[in-house]
Amino acid sequence: MTADNPGEPGGSIEPDNPDNLFRYPNLYEPQELSKTVSRDIFYIGTDGKELAHSIHQEVHFKGAANLDLVTGNFVNLAEDGTVKDQDGAITWTPEQFEFAATEPLNGEDFEVVGYGKKGSEANVDITNGVVSSEVVTANSANKTITLTLKSKSNIISFASASDEKKQDDQSIEKEISVNQETEPVEDTVVTGHQTVHYVSENGTDLQPVTATHEVTFVKNGSSDKWDKKEDRYDDIVAPVINGYVVKTKVAVGKQVTPEDPDQDIVLTYYPVGKIIPVDAEGKAIAKGVQYQNDEKDPTKVLASQKAPGIVGWNPNQYSIMPLEATKDTKITYTKVPNKPETDDIDISLDDLKMVGLAGLKINKNN
C-alpha cells in the first residue's frame, strides 16, 4: 500500500484493475501515508504586533508499507518476495528532512530582545536573529518560533535563507522591510515597602510602626518586560511587648508583584491574663495581678507565676502554672487569725498575795 492507494476495509488492492480479486481485510484500518511538517518563524515588535512577514517552511512525506492480506499486519519481505515476518512498518520518503537556517538580520537596524519556541529545538542566535537549521521526520510536530525585535531604524531587512536542500513546495520569504518609528524608552523602576503594625485587639498601636526592607522591580524600556514577576519580603519576628502576647512568633513576608508592590503586616497582640486573689467563697479580695511575660517568647508568659502577697491573707498555693496566657487564674487565700485582744484589770496586793503596789495594772494573761 502507498500514499496514492492507502486502502480501505474490504476494498480492492487495485481499484483500477477489476481483474485483481485481492481485497483488504474487513478489519483493516487505513493508515495516514501522507504527512506535512511545517516550521513557521514570526517577527514581532515589543508591542506584540507583527513587525515583519513570517517565514514558512514545510516538507511533505509519503509513506509505503507491505500489508499481509490474511493477517492484516505490516510485514517484511524476503528477497524472493515471500513474507519474512509480521514486524513490518511504514517507510517514509524522504526518511528525514532538514529545514534550512535563516539568514542574519541587519544588525544596524534591529535588536533581538527575546524569542519563544513551540515544538522546535532549533537554536536562536539573539546577536543576529539567525534561527538554526532543524531536522524533522514524518513523526515530527509542526514548529513555531517567534522572535521579538526592537527596531534601531525605520527599516528592518534580511535576505532569504540559502537552502540547497529545500523542496519545490518549501516557501521562504525573500526580503522584509517594516516602517516603525522608534524612540528611546527609559526603564521603569517600582519600589515597594512592607510596613509592620503592632496593635492590640481593638486596633490601638502598642509600639511605633516599622518598615522592613524594600523590594525593587525594573521594567526594561526596550522589551517592556519586568526583571521578575514577583518577589517576597523578609519574614517578621514578633517582639515581646510586656502585658501582651501574640499568636505567632514569625509573620511570613508578603508576596508582591510590580503591580502591587506595597504591603502591610498587622501583628495583633492580646492582654495577658491575671492572678485573681479570692477568699474561700470565691469573692475577689484584691485587684488581679498580670502574668509576667516570657522575655524570650512573644507568645508566652512565664510558666511559673508567683502568687501576689496580700496583708492579712495567706495563699493556699504560692505559685501557679497558667493553662492559657490570656486566661485569668484564681488563687484562694485564707485570712490570718487575729491575735487575742489585751484587757487591763485592777487587782489588789492581797488578791495576788505578792509584793507590789496597790492598784498596779497588769495583764490578765500574765
Protein backbone atom coordinates (compact mmCIF):
# COMPACT_ATOMS: atom_id res chain seq x y z
CA MET A 1 0.00 0.00 0.00
CA THR A 2 1.19 3.52 -0.80
CA ALA A 3 0.26 7.14 -0.20
CA ASP A 4 -1.66 7.11 -3.50
CA ASN A 5 -3.53 3.93 -2.51
CA PRO A 6 -3.81 3.70 1.29
CA GLY A 7 -6.60 1.13 1.00
CA GLU A 8 -9.95 0.78 2.69
CA PRO A 9 -11.62 -2.08 4.63
CA GLY A 10 -12.90 -4.70 2.18
CA GLY A 11 -11.72 -2.66 -0.80
CA SER A 12 -9.72 -3.92 -3.76
CA ILE A 13 -5.96 -3.59 -3.54
CA GLU A 14 -6.10 -2.30 -7.14
CA PRO A 15 -9.28 -0.22 -7.51
CA ASP A 16 -8.47 0.48 -11.18
CA ASN A 17 -7.97 -3.21 -12.00
CA PRO A 18 -11.26 -5.15 -11.75
CA ASP A 19 -9.43 -8.40 -12.58
CA ASN A 20 -7.48 -8.27 -9.30
CA LEU A 21 -9.68 -10.06 -6.77
CA PHE A 22 -7.43 -9.46 -3.76
CA ARG A 23 -9.04 -7.23 -1.18
CA TYR A 24 -8.08 -5.54 2.08
CA PRO A 25 -9.33 -7.32 5.24
CA ASN A 26 -12.65 -6.04 6.58
CA LEU A 27 -10.94 -5.13 9.88
CA TYR A 28 -8.15 -3.25 8.13
CA GLU A 29 -7.56 0.28 9.47
CA PRO A 30 -6.43 2.68 6.72
CA GLN A 31 -3.15 4.39 7.53
CA GLU A 32 -2.15 8.01 7.03
CA LEU A 33 0.53 7.68 4.37
CA SER A 34 0.93 11.36 3.55
CA LYS A 35 2.17 13.87 6.13
CA THR A 36 3.22 17.50 6.04
CA VAL A 37 5.51 19.03 8.67
CA SER A 38 5.95 22.79 8.79
CA ARG A 39 8.09 25.39 10.55
CA ASP A 40 6.90 28.99 10.90
CA ILE A 41 9.12 31.85 12.07
CA PHE A 42 7.44 35.07 13.19
CA TYR A 43 8.92 38.52 13.85
CA ILE A 44 7.05 40.82 16.24
CA GLY A 45 7.72 44.13 17.95
CA THR A 46 7.81 44.73 21.69
CA ASP A 47 4.15 45.78 21.49
CA GLY A 48 3.20 42.31 20.23
CA LYS A 49 2.34 43.48 16.73
CA GLU A 50 3.76 41.77 13.65
CA LEU A 51 6.95 43.58 12.73
CA ALA A 52 7.79 41.66 9.55
CA HIS A 53 6.48 38.97 7.23
CA SER A 54 6.79 35.50 8.65
CA ILE A 55 8.88 32.70 7.14
CA HIS A 56 7.06 29.47 6.31
CA GLN A 57 8.92 26.21 5.67
CA GLU A 58 7.31 22.84 5.06
CA VAL A 59 8.05 19.36 3.75
CA HIS A 60 5.78 16.54 2.53
CA PHE A 61 6.43 12.91 3.49
CA LYS A 62 4.97 9.92 1.62
CA GLY A 63 4.70 6.51 3.25
CA ALA A 64 4.56 2.94 1.95
CA ALA A 65 4.26 -0.49 3.58
CA ASN A 66 3.72 -4.17 2.80
CA LEU A 67 0.41 -5.49 4.14
CA ASP A 68 -0.43 -9.16 4.77
CA LEU A 69 -3.97 -9.50 3.40
CA VAL A 70 -4.58 -12.54 5.61
CA THR A 71 -3.39 -11.24 8.98
CA GLY A 72 -3.82 -7.53 8.31
CA ASN A 73 -0.32 -6.89 9.70
CA PHE A 74 2.53 -4.95 8.17
CA VAL A 75 5.22 -7.43 7.09
CA ASN A 76 8.82 -7.56 5.98
CA LEU A 77 9.54 -9.42 2.75
CA ALA A 78 12.38 -11.78 1.94
CA GLU A 79 14.48 -11.33 -1.21
CA ASP A 80 12.22 -13.72 -3.10
CA GLY A 81 9.14 -11.66 -2.24
CA THR A 82 7.73 -14.04 0.37
CA VAL A 83 6.70 -12.91 3.85
CA LYS A 84 9.73 -12.84 6.12
CA ASP A 85 7.99 -11.77 9.36
CA GLN A 86 4.99 -9.86 10.69
CA ASP A 87 7.08 -6.99 12.11
CA GLY A 88 6.91 -4.61 9.18
CA ALA A 89 6.42 -0.85 9.41
CA ILE A 90 5.66 2.16 7.25
CA THR A 91 8.70 3.59 5.48
CA TRP A 92 8.75 7.30 4.63
CA THR A 93 10.16 9.25 1.72
CA PRO A 94 12.15 11.26 2.47
CA GLU A 95 13.29 9.48 5.62
CA GLN A 96 14.11 12.87 7.17
CA PHE A 97 14.40 16.47 6.06
CA GLU A 98 16.42 19.45 7.25
CA PHE A 99 14.82 22.89 7.35
CA ALA A 100 17.39 25.49 6.32
CA ALA A 101 18.73 28.11 8.73
CA THR A 102 17.59 31.69 8.22
CA GLU A 103 19.91 34.46 7.10
CA PRO A 104 21.20 37.00 9.67
CA LEU A 105 19.16 40.13 10.17
CA ASN A 106 20.71 43.52 9.58
CA GLY A 107 22.35 44.28 12.93
CA GLU A 108 22.39 48.00 12.26
CA ASP A 109 18.62 48.12 12.05
CA PHE A 110 17.43 45.79 14.80
CA GLU A 111 17.99 44.22 18.18
CA VAL A 112 16.59 40.82 19.20
CA VAL A 113 15.19 41.25 22.71
CA GLY A 114 13.55 37.85 23.14
CA TYR A 115 12.18 34.74 21.50
CA GLY A 116 9.83 31.82 22.11
CA LYS A 117 9.61 28.31 20.67
CA LYS A 118 6.82 25.75 20.40
CA GLY A 119 7.65 22.22 19.26
CA SER A 120 11.05 23.34 18.00
CA GLU A 121 14.56 22.52 19.17
CA ALA A 122 16.28 24.99 16.84
CA ASN A 123 18.80 27.41 18.31
CA VAL A 124 18.12 31.14 18.10
CA ASP A 125 21.13 33.47 17.97
CA ILE A 126 19.94 36.70 19.61
CA THR A 127 23.01 38.57 18.34
CA ASN A 128 21.91 38.34 14.70
CA GLY A 129 18.45 36.72 14.68
CA VAL A 130 19.57 33.52 12.94
CA VAL A 131 17.33 30.50 13.52
CA SER A 132 19.41 27.36 13.05
CA SER A 133 18.61 24.51 10.70
CA GLU A 134 16.45 21.71 12.09
CA VAL A 135 15.97 18.07 11.10
CA VAL A 136 12.43 16.66 11.01
CA THR A 137 10.80 13.32 10.24
CA ALA A 138 7.27 12.29 9.34
CA ASN A 139 6.53 11.91 13.04
CA SER A 140 7.72 15.41 13.96
CA ALA A 141 5.29 18.03 15.23
CA ASN A 142 4.79 21.35 13.49
CA LYS A 143 7.12 24.03 14.83
CA THR A 144 6.69 27.70 15.66
CA ILE A 145 9.44 30.18 16.55
CA THR A 146 8.70 33.80 17.46
CA LEU A 147 11.41 36.47 17.64
CA THR A 148 10.75 39.78 19.42
CA LEU A 149 12.63 42.66 17.79
CA LYS A 150 13.39 46.23 18.72
CA SER A 151 13.94 48.45 15.71
CA LYS A 152 17.03 50.68 15.66
CA SER A 153 15.91 52.46 12.50
CA ASN A 154 12.87 52.69 10.28
CA ILE A 155 13.82 49.64 8.20
CA ILE A 156 14.43 46.06 9.23
CA SER A 157 15.58 43.75 6.44
CA PHE A 158 17.23 40.42 5.82
CA ALA A 159 17.94 38.26 2.82
CA SER A 160 16.38 34.90 2.07
CA ALA A 161 17.81 31.72 3.56
CA SER A 162 20.14 29.81 1.27
CA ASP A 163 18.58 26.41 1.03
CA GLU A 164 20.26 23.96 -1.28
CA LYS A 165 18.14 21.13 0.16
CA LYS A 166 14.74 22.82 0.01
CA GLN A 167 11.94 21.18 -1.94
CA ASP A 168 9.83 22.92 -4.55
CA ASP A 169 6.98 23.34 -2.09
CA GLN A 170 9.15 24.91 0.65
CA SER A 171 8.37 28.62 0.85
CA ILE A 172 10.81 31.20 2.24
CA GLU A 173 10.31 34.94 2.17
CA LYS A 174 12.96 36.90 0.27
CA GLU A 175 13.03 40.25 1.99
CA ILE A 176 11.32 42.00 4.83
CA SER A 177 11.03 45.71 5.34
CA VAL A 178 9.00 47.40 8.02
CA ASN A 179 8.40 51.04 8.81
CA GLN A 180 8.46 51.67 12.50
CA GLU A 181 9.07 54.83 14.44
CA THR A 182 11.43 54.26 17.33
CA GLU A 183 12.03 56.38 20.37
CA PRO A 184 14.28 55.60 23.31
CA VAL A 185 12.23 54.21 26.17
CA GLU A 186 13.55 54.54 29.70
CA ASP A 187 13.40 51.70 32.19
CA THR A 188 10.58 51.80 34.73
CA VAL A 189 11.59 51.30 38.36
CA VAL A 190 9.00 50.41 41.00
CA THR A 191 9.98 50.27 44.68
CA GLY A 192 7.75 48.74 47.33
CA HIS A 193 7.84 48.61 51.13
CA GLN A 194 6.43 46.28 53.74
CA THR A 195 5.01 48.13 56.76
CA VAL A 196 4.51 46.34 60.09
CA HIS A 197 1.86 47.40 62.61
CA TYR A 198 1.85 46.23 66.25
CA VAL A 199 -1.69 46.66 67.58
CA SER A 200 -3.99 45.49 70.35
CA GLU A 201 -7.15 43.59 69.51
CA ASN A 202 -9.08 46.88 69.40
CA GLY A 203 -6.62 48.34 66.88
CA THR A 204 -4.62 50.59 69.21
CA ASP A 205 -0.92 50.90 68.31
CA LEU A 206 1.22 49.31 71.02
CA GLN A 207 4.54 50.50 69.61
CA PRO A 208 5.69 52.57 66.61
CA VAL A 209 5.00 51.32 63.09
CA THR A 210 8.12 49.99 61.33
CA ALA A 211 9.04 49.44 57.68
CA THR A 212 11.11 46.38 56.76
CA HIS A 213 13.36 46.02 53.70
CA GLU A 214 12.17 47.27 50.33
CA VAL A 215 11.83 45.41 47.03
CA THR A 216 12.54 46.83 43.59
CA PHE A 217 11.15 45.84 40.19
CA VAL A 218 12.62 47.10 36.91
CA LYS A 219 10.78 47.07 33.58
CA ASN A 220 13.11 47.11 30.58
CA GLY A 221 12.23 50.03 28.34
CA SER A 222 13.17 48.10 25.22
CA SER A 223 11.47 44.77 25.82
CA ASP A 224 8.70 46.15 28.06
CA LYS A 225 9.30 43.19 30.37
CA TRP A 226 9.82 43.17 34.14
CA ASP A 227 13.06 41.75 35.51
CA LYS A 228 10.95 39.47 37.73
CA LYS A 229 7.27 38.63 38.00
CA GLU A 230 7.16 38.61 41.80
CA ASP A 231 9.23 38.98 44.96
CA ARG A 232 8.79 38.30 48.67
CA TYR A 233 9.51 40.46 51.69
CA ASP A 234 11.50 39.30 54.71
CA ASP A 235 9.72 37.40 57.46
CA ILE A 236 8.93 39.45 60.58
CA VAL A 237 9.99 38.23 64.04
CA ALA A 238 7.41 39.45 66.57
CA PRO A 239 8.90 41.42 69.51
CA VAL A 240 7.95 40.87 73.16
CA ILE A 241 5.56 43.56 74.44
CA ASN A 242 5.06 43.48 78.21
CA GLY A 243 1.50 42.78 79.26
CA TYR A 244 0.62 41.25 75.87
CA VAL A 245 1.17 38.09 73.86
CA VAL A 246 0.88 37.45 70.11
CA LYS A 247 -0.32 34.26 68.44
CA THR A 248 2.72 33.66 66.22
CA LYS A 249 6.44 34.24 66.66
CA VAL A 250 7.10 34.85 62.96
CA ALA A 251 4.88 36.55 60.39
CA VAL A 252 5.64 35.37 56.86
CA GLY A 253 6.75 38.15 54.49
CA LYS A 254 4.17 39.06 51.85
CA GLN A 255 4.46 38.02 48.20
CA VAL A 256 4.29 41.05 45.90
CA THR A 257 4.18 41.92 42.20
CA PRO A 258 5.20 45.03 40.24
CA GLU A 259 1.51 45.97 40.02
CA ASP A 260 1.02 45.81 43.81
CA PRO A 261 4.41 46.28 45.49
CA ASP A 262 3.39 47.77 48.88
CA GLN A 263 2.11 45.52 51.64
CA ASP A 264 1.15 45.78 55.32
CA ILE A 265 1.57 43.18 58.04
CA VAL A 266 -0.55 43.58 61.18
CA LEU A 267 0.60 41.77 64.32
CA THR A 268 -2.28 41.67 66.80
CA TYR A 269 -1.40 41.35 70.49
CA TYR A 270 -3.74 40.23 73.29
CA PRO A 271 -3.63 41.21 77.01
CA VAL A 272 -2.12 38.56 79.26
CA GLY A 273 -4.26 37.03 81.97
CA LYS A 274 -4.18 37.87 85.69
CA ILE A 275 -3.89 36.12 89.02
CA ILE A 276 -7.13 36.89 90.89
CA PRO A 277 -6.91 36.56 94.72
CA VAL A 278 -10.21 35.22 96.15
CA ASP A 279 -11.48 34.06 99.53
CA ALA A 280 -12.89 30.64 100.31
CA GLU A 281 -16.24 31.71 98.84
CA GLY A 282 -14.65 32.78 95.55
CA LYS A 283 -15.01 36.51 96.13
CA ALA A 284 -12.17 38.74 94.97
CA ILE A 285 -10.23 40.19 97.88
CA ALA A 286 -7.81 42.35 95.85
CA LYS A 287 -7.12 43.55 92.32
CA GLY A 288 -5.76 41.00 89.88
CA VAL A 289 -2.05 40.98 89.05
CA GLN A 290 -0.97 40.43 85.39
CA TYR A 291 1.16 37.44 84.47
CA GLN A 292 4.81 38.12 83.79
CA ASN A 293 5.89 37.82 80.13
CA ASP A 294 8.42 35.30 78.91
CA GLU A 295 11.11 37.69 77.66
CA LYS A 296 12.32 35.13 75.10
CA ASP A 297 8.98 34.21 73.53
CA PRO A 298 6.33 36.78 72.49
CA THR A 299 3.64 34.08 72.50
CA LYS A 300 4.09 33.01 76.14
CA VAL A 301 4.10 34.11 79.76
CA LEU A 302 6.40 32.59 82.38
CA ALA A 303 5.50 29.00 83.13
CA SER A 304 5.63 29.65 86.89
CA GLN A 305 3.83 32.72 88.25
CA LYS A 306 4.21 33.80 91.91
CA ALA A 307 1.10 34.43 93.99
CA PRO A 308 0.89 38.12 94.98
CA GLY A 309 1.30 38.97 98.67
CA ILE A 310 -1.73 40.41 100.49
CA VAL A 311 -1.52 41.71 104.05
CA GLY A 312 -3.60 39.60 106.41
CA TRP A 313 -4.05 36.76 103.94
CA ASN A 314 -2.09 33.64 103.08
CA PRO A 315 -2.38 31.96 99.63
CA ASN A 316 -3.25 28.28 99.51
CA GLN A 317 -0.51 27.94 96.84
CA TYR A 318 2.49 30.17 96.33
CA SER A 319 2.86 29.72 92.54
CA ILE A 320 0.75 28.63 89.58
CA MET A 321 1.25 27.46 86.00
CA PRO A 322 -1.23 29.32 83.74
CA LEU A 323 -3.03 27.00 81.33
CA GLU A 324 -3.53 29.84 78.84
CA ALA A 325 -1.53 33.05 78.63
CA THR A 326 -4.66 35.19 78.16
CA LYS A 327 -6.94 33.50 80.73
CA ASP A 328 -7.19 34.58 84.39
CA THR A 329 -6.36 32.17 87.20
CA LYS A 330 -7.91 32.36 90.70
CA ILE A 331 -5.89 31.65 93.84
CA THR A 332 -7.72 31.08 97.09
CA TYR A 333 -6.42 32.94 100.14
CA THR A 334 -7.09 32.25 103.83
CA LYS A 335 -7.38 35.09 106.30
CA VAL A 336 -4.71 35.16 109.01
CA PRO A 337 -6.38 34.75 112.51
CA ASN A 338 -6.35 37.88 114.75
CA LYS A 339 -4.28 37.81 117.99
CA PRO A 340 -6.40 37.88 121.23
CA GLU A 341 -7.23 41.37 122.45
CA THR A 342 -5.43 42.67 125.64
CA ASP A 343 -7.65 43.73 128.65
CA ASP A 344 -6.41 45.86 131.57
CA ILE A 345 -7.70 44.85 135.02
CA ASP A 346 -7.18 46.20 138.54
CA ILE A 347 -6.10 43.75 141.21
CA SER A 348 -5.04 44.33 144.79
CA LEU A 349 -1.94 43.22 146.58
CA ASP A 350 -3.92 40.95 148.81
CA ASP A 351 -5.57 39.19 145.84
CA LEU A 352 -2.24 38.35 144.26
CA LYS A 353 -0.59 37.64 147.58
CA MET A 354 2.57 39.05 146.23
CA VAL A 355 4.70 42.07 146.84
CA GLY A 356 3.63 45.03 144.73
CA LEU A 357 1.88 48.30 144.69
CA ALA A 358 -1.81 48.50 145.35
CA GLY A 359 -3.76 49.37 142.24
CA LEU A 360 -0.98 48.09 139.87
CA LYS A 361 -2.31 47.38 136.43
CA ILE A 362 -1.11 44.09 134.95
CA ASN A 363 -2.16 41.95 132.00
CA LYS A 364 -4.61 39.25 133.00
CA ASN A 365 -2.70 36.73 130.90
CA ASN A 366 0.50 37.26 132.88
